Amino acid sequence: MAMNQFDANFVTVALTATTAKTVVGVKAATNIALKILESSISFDGATSTNAPAVVDFARCTFGANSPGTASTSLTPGKRDPGRAETIQATAAHTWTTEPTTITAQRSHDVGQFNGLFYLIYPFASPIIVAGGAGWVIRATSPNNCNTCGGIAGEE
């Protein structure tokens, strides 16, 4: 890994009650592994008595629904724009058809009334994504609300 770090952030993805939605994902370029540094999600629910949303931080094969297919492409932002290297990973948000084979690594209940969940992965046990594979955040909210957040990684 060459310490080429990036952020793939998303804003205002609408969730429909009880429907799982992959809200953001990154896919490693072929033969270039990714180290996931951080993952975050927040909600803008206005009712404090609503049940929490279930959030999956997950590995993904994507299948036919790679970033940009049945989703909105986004360009990962380099953390060091002075570097000449180009980020090879692709990213997207708001899938309209769920990607294939999502395997949750961590699942958490996150309050949708101004709820926030932020994962910083330890150096001793990082999340490594193999070349050609991906990492996603999927949310299932019991009520309609919006979400935003992102994934930080390194190639």
Foldseek 3Di string as FASTA:
>chain_A
DPQFKWKDKDFWDKAAAQDKWFFKKKAAAAQDKKWWFKWKKWWADADQPFWFKKKFWWKALQVPNDAPRQFAWDAIGTPDVVDPDGRRMTMTGTRPDDGPDTGGPDMDGFHNNGTMDMDGDDPVDIDMGHHSIMITMMIHGNHITIMIIIIMMGD
